[in-house]
């Protein structure tokens, strides 16, 4: 059986969908999306700034550095 993920765009849609599911006796779960905390936003912004500044490594470069650390 498939599961559905539904994205209502407003409160009215959400109410109608829940009402329909209850009438059809369809089990559903509610997942509350949480807003990002300040420290999470800061880390994301730092990462984006690093990318913009060219402070990125390719997967191959990371692999070579990891191998070098393992050889020590």
N, C-alpha and C. Protein backbone atom coordinates (compact mmCIF):
# COMPACT_ATOMS: atom_id res chain seq x y z
N UNK A 1 0.85 -1.17 0.00
CA UNK A 1 0.00 0.00 0.00
C UNK A 1 0.89 1.24 0.00
N UNK A 2 0.48 2.24 -0.70
CA UNK A 2 1.23 3.48 -0.78
C UNK A 2 0.85 4.43 0.35
N UNK A 3 1.77 5.30 0.71
CA UNK A 3 1.51 6.39 1.65
C UNK A 3 1.48 7.69 0.87
N UNK A 4 0.70 8.62 1.32
CA UNK A 4 0.60 9.92 0.67
C UNK A 4 1.15 11.01 1.58
N UNK A 5 1.80 11.96 1.00
CA UNK A 5 2.20 13.17 1.72
C UNK A 5 1.44 14.30 1.04
N UNK A 6 0.66 15.02 1.82
CA UNK A 6 -0.21 16.06 1.28
C UNK A 6 0.26 17.41 1.80
N UNK A 7 0.30 18.40 0.91
CA UNK A 7 0.77 19.73 1.26
C UNK A 7 -0.35 20.76 1.06
N UNK A 8 -1.23 20.91 2.04
CA UNK A 8 -2.26 21.93 1.90
C UNK A 8 -1.61 23.32 1.88
N UNK A 9 -2.24 24.21 1.13
CA UNK A 9 -1.65 25.55 1.00
C UNK A 9 -2.27 26.57 1.95
N UNK A 10 -3.34 26.16 2.64
CA UNK A 10 -3.94 27.08 3.61
C UNK A 10 -4.70 26.29 4.66
N UNK A 11 -5.14 26.98 5.70
CA UNK A 11 -5.82 26.34 6.83
C UNK A 11 -7.14 25.69 6.40
N UNK A 12 -7.84 26.32 5.50
CA UNK A 12 -9.12 25.79 5.02
C UNK A 12 -8.94 24.43 4.36
N UNK A 13 -7.93 24.31 3.52
CA UNK A 13 -7.64 23.02 2.88
C UNK A 13 -7.30 21.96 3.92
N UNK A 14 -6.49 22.34 4.89
CA UNK A 14 -6.08 21.40 5.93
C UNK A 14 -7.30 20.87 6.68
N UNK A 15 -8.21 21.76 7.06
CA UNK A 15 -9.41 21.35 7.79
C UNK A 15 -10.25 20.41 6.93
N UNK A 16 -10.43 20.74 5.66
CA UNK A 16 -11.24 19.90 4.77
C UNK A 16 -10.61 18.53 4.57
N UNK A 17 -9.33 18.49 4.39
CA UNK A 17 -8.63 17.21 4.19
C UNK A 17 -8.75 16.33 5.42
N UNK A 18 -8.52 16.91 6.60
CA UNK A 18 -8.65 16.13 7.83
C UNK A 18 -10.07 15.61 8.01
N UNK A 19 -11.03 16.45 7.72
CA UNK A 19 -12.43 16.05 7.83
C UNK A 19 -12.73 14.88 6.89
N UNK A 20 -12.28 14.98 5.67
CA UNK A 20 -12.48 13.91 4.69
C UNK A 20 -11.84 12.60 5.16
N UNK A 21 -10.62 12.69 5.66
CA UNK A 21 -9.92 11.49 6.11
C UNK A 21 -10.64 10.84 7.29
N UNK A 22 -11.14 11.66 8.20
CA UNK A 22 -11.90 11.11 9.33
C UNK A 22 -13.17 10.41 8.85
N UNK A 23 -13.89 11.04 7.92
CA UNK A 23 -15.12 10.44 7.38
C UNK A 23 -14.83 9.13 6.68
N UNK A 24 -13.71 9.05 5.99
CA UNK A 24 -13.33 7.83 5.28
C UNK A 24 -12.66 6.81 6.19
N UNK A 25 -12.46 7.18 7.47
CA UNK A 25 -11.80 6.34 8.46
C UNK A 25 -10.40 5.94 8.00
N UNK A 26 -9.70 6.93 7.43
CA UNK A 26 -8.32 6.75 6.99
C UNK A 26 -7.40 7.25 8.09
N UNK A 27 -6.50 6.39 8.52
CA UNK A 27 -5.54 6.77 9.55
C UNK A 27 -4.55 7.77 8.96
N UNK A 28 -4.21 8.79 9.72
CA UNK A 28 -3.20 9.75 9.27
C UNK A 28 -2.39 10.24 10.45
N UNK A 29 -1.19 10.68 10.17
CA UNK A 29 -0.30 11.26 11.17
C UNK A 29 -0.12 12.72 10.85
N UNK A 30 0.16 13.49 11.89
CA UNK A 30 0.43 14.92 11.73
C UNK A 30 1.89 15.16 12.06
N UNK A 31 2.61 15.75 11.12
CA UNK A 31 4.01 16.11 11.34
C UNK A 31 4.09 17.63 11.34
N UNK A 32 4.51 18.20 12.44
CA UNK A 32 4.60 19.65 12.55
C UNK A 32 5.98 20.07 12.08
N UNK A 33 6.02 20.95 11.10
CA UNK A 33 7.31 21.44 10.64
C UNK A 33 7.79 22.53 11.60
N UNK A 34 9.03 22.42 11.97
CA UNK A 34 9.60 23.37 12.92
C UNK A 34 10.42 24.41 12.17
N UNK A 35 10.39 25.61 12.69
CA UNK A 35 11.22 26.65 12.11
C UNK A 35 12.67 26.41 12.55
N UNK A 36 13.58 26.84 11.70
CA UNK A 36 14.99 26.69 12.03
C UNK A 36 15.33 27.62 13.20
N UNK A 37 16.22 27.13 14.05
CA UNK A 37 16.68 27.95 15.16
C UNK A 37 17.78 28.87 14.66
N UNK A 38 18.05 29.92 15.42
CA UNK A 38 19.04 30.93 15.02
C UNK A 38 20.40 30.31 14.71
N UNK A 39 20.84 29.37 15.55
CA UNK A 39 22.17 28.78 15.33
C UNK A 39 22.19 27.97 14.03
N UNK A 40 21.06 27.37 13.66
CA UNK A 40 21.00 26.61 12.42
C UNK A 40 21.06 27.56 11.21
N UNK A 41 20.35 28.65 11.30
CA UNK A 41 20.38 29.65 10.23
C UNK A 41 21.79 30.21 10.08
N UNK A 42 22.45 30.47 11.21
CA UNK A 42 23.82 31.00 11.17
C UNK A 42 24.76 30.01 10.49
N UNK A 43 24.66 28.73 10.81
CA UNK A 43 25.54 27.73 10.20
C UNK A 43 25.29 27.61 8.70
N UNK A 44 24.02 27.67 8.31
CA UNK A 44 23.70 27.62 6.88
C UNK A 44 24.30 28.82 6.16
N UNK A 45 24.13 30.00 6.74
CA UNK A 45 24.67 31.22 6.13
C UNK A 45 26.19 31.17 6.04
N UNK A 46 26.85 30.64 7.07
CA UNK A 46 28.31 30.51 7.03
C UNK A 46 28.72 29.57 5.91
N UNK A 47 28.00 28.48 5.74
CA UNK A 47 28.31 27.55 4.66
C UNK A 47 28.12 28.18 3.29
N UNK A 48 27.04 28.94 3.13
CA UNK A 48 26.81 29.62 1.86
C UNK A 48 27.88 30.67 1.59
N UNK A 49 28.31 31.37 2.63
CA UNK A 49 29.39 32.35 2.48
C UNK A 49 30.70 31.66 2.08
N UNK A 50 30.99 30.51 2.68
CA UNK A 50 32.19 29.74 2.31
C UNK A 50 32.14 29.33 0.84
N UNK A 51 30.97 28.89 0.40
CA UNK A 51 30.83 28.50 -1.01
C UNK A 51 31.07 29.70 -1.91
N UNK A 52 30.47 30.84 -1.56
CA UNK A 52 30.63 32.05 -2.37
C UNK A 52 32.09 32.50 -2.41
N UNK A 53 32.83 32.25 -1.33
CA UNK A 53 34.24 32.64 -1.26
C UNK A 53 35.16 31.59 -1.88
N UNK A 54 34.59 30.50 -2.37
CA UNK A 54 35.41 29.46 -3.00
C UNK A 54 36.07 28.52 -2.02
N UNK A 55 35.62 28.52 -0.78
CA UNK A 55 36.20 27.64 0.24
C UNK A 55 35.49 26.29 0.22
N UNK A 56 35.61 25.59 -0.89
CA UNK A 56 34.99 24.27 -1.03
C UNK A 56 36.01 23.28 -1.55
N UNK A 57 35.80 22.02 -1.26
CA UNK A 57 36.66 20.95 -1.74
C UNK A 57 35.82 19.97 -2.55
N UNK A 58 36.42 19.40 -3.56
CA UNK A 58 35.71 18.36 -4.32
C UNK A 58 35.72 17.08 -3.49
N UNK A 59 34.88 16.14 -3.87
CA UNK A 59 34.83 14.85 -3.17
C UNK A 59 36.18 14.15 -3.26
N UNK A 60 36.87 14.27 -4.40
CA UNK A 60 38.19 13.66 -4.55
C UNK A 60 39.21 14.27 -3.59
N UNK A 61 39.15 15.60 -3.44
CA UNK A 61 40.07 16.26 -2.52
C UNK A 61 39.83 15.82 -1.08
N UNK A 62 38.58 15.70 -0.71
CA UNK A 62 38.25 15.25 0.64
C UNK A 62 38.74 13.82 0.85
N UNK A 63 38.55 12.97 -0.14
CA UNK A 63 38.98 11.58 -0.06
C UNK A 63 40.50 11.50 0.11
N UNK A 64 41.24 12.28 -0.67
CA UNK A 64 42.70 12.27 -0.58
C UNK A 64 43.17 12.74 0.80
N UNK A 65 42.52 13.78 1.33
CA UNK A 65 42.90 14.28 2.67
C UNK A 65 42.61 13.22 3.73
N UNK A 66 41.47 12.53 3.59
CA UNK A 66 41.13 11.47 4.55
C UNK A 66 42.13 10.33 4.49
N UNK A 67 42.52 9.96 3.28
CA UNK A 67 43.52 8.89 3.14
C UNK A 67 44.85 9.29 3.76
N UNK A 68 45.25 10.55 3.55
CA UNK A 68 46.49 11.05 4.13
C UNK A 68 46.45 11.00 5.66
N UNK A 69 45.33 11.30 6.24
CA UNK A 69 45.19 11.26 7.70
C UNK A 69 45.26 9.82 8.21
N UNK A 70 44.72 8.89 7.45
CA UNK A 70 44.73 7.48 7.85
C UNK A 70 46.13 6.86 7.76
N UNK A 71 46.96 7.42 6.88
CA UNK A 71 48.31 6.88 6.70
C UNK A 71 49.24 7.28 7.83
N UNK A 72 48.90 8.28 8.57
CA UNK A 72 49.79 8.77 9.65
C UNK A 72 49.83 7.84 10.80
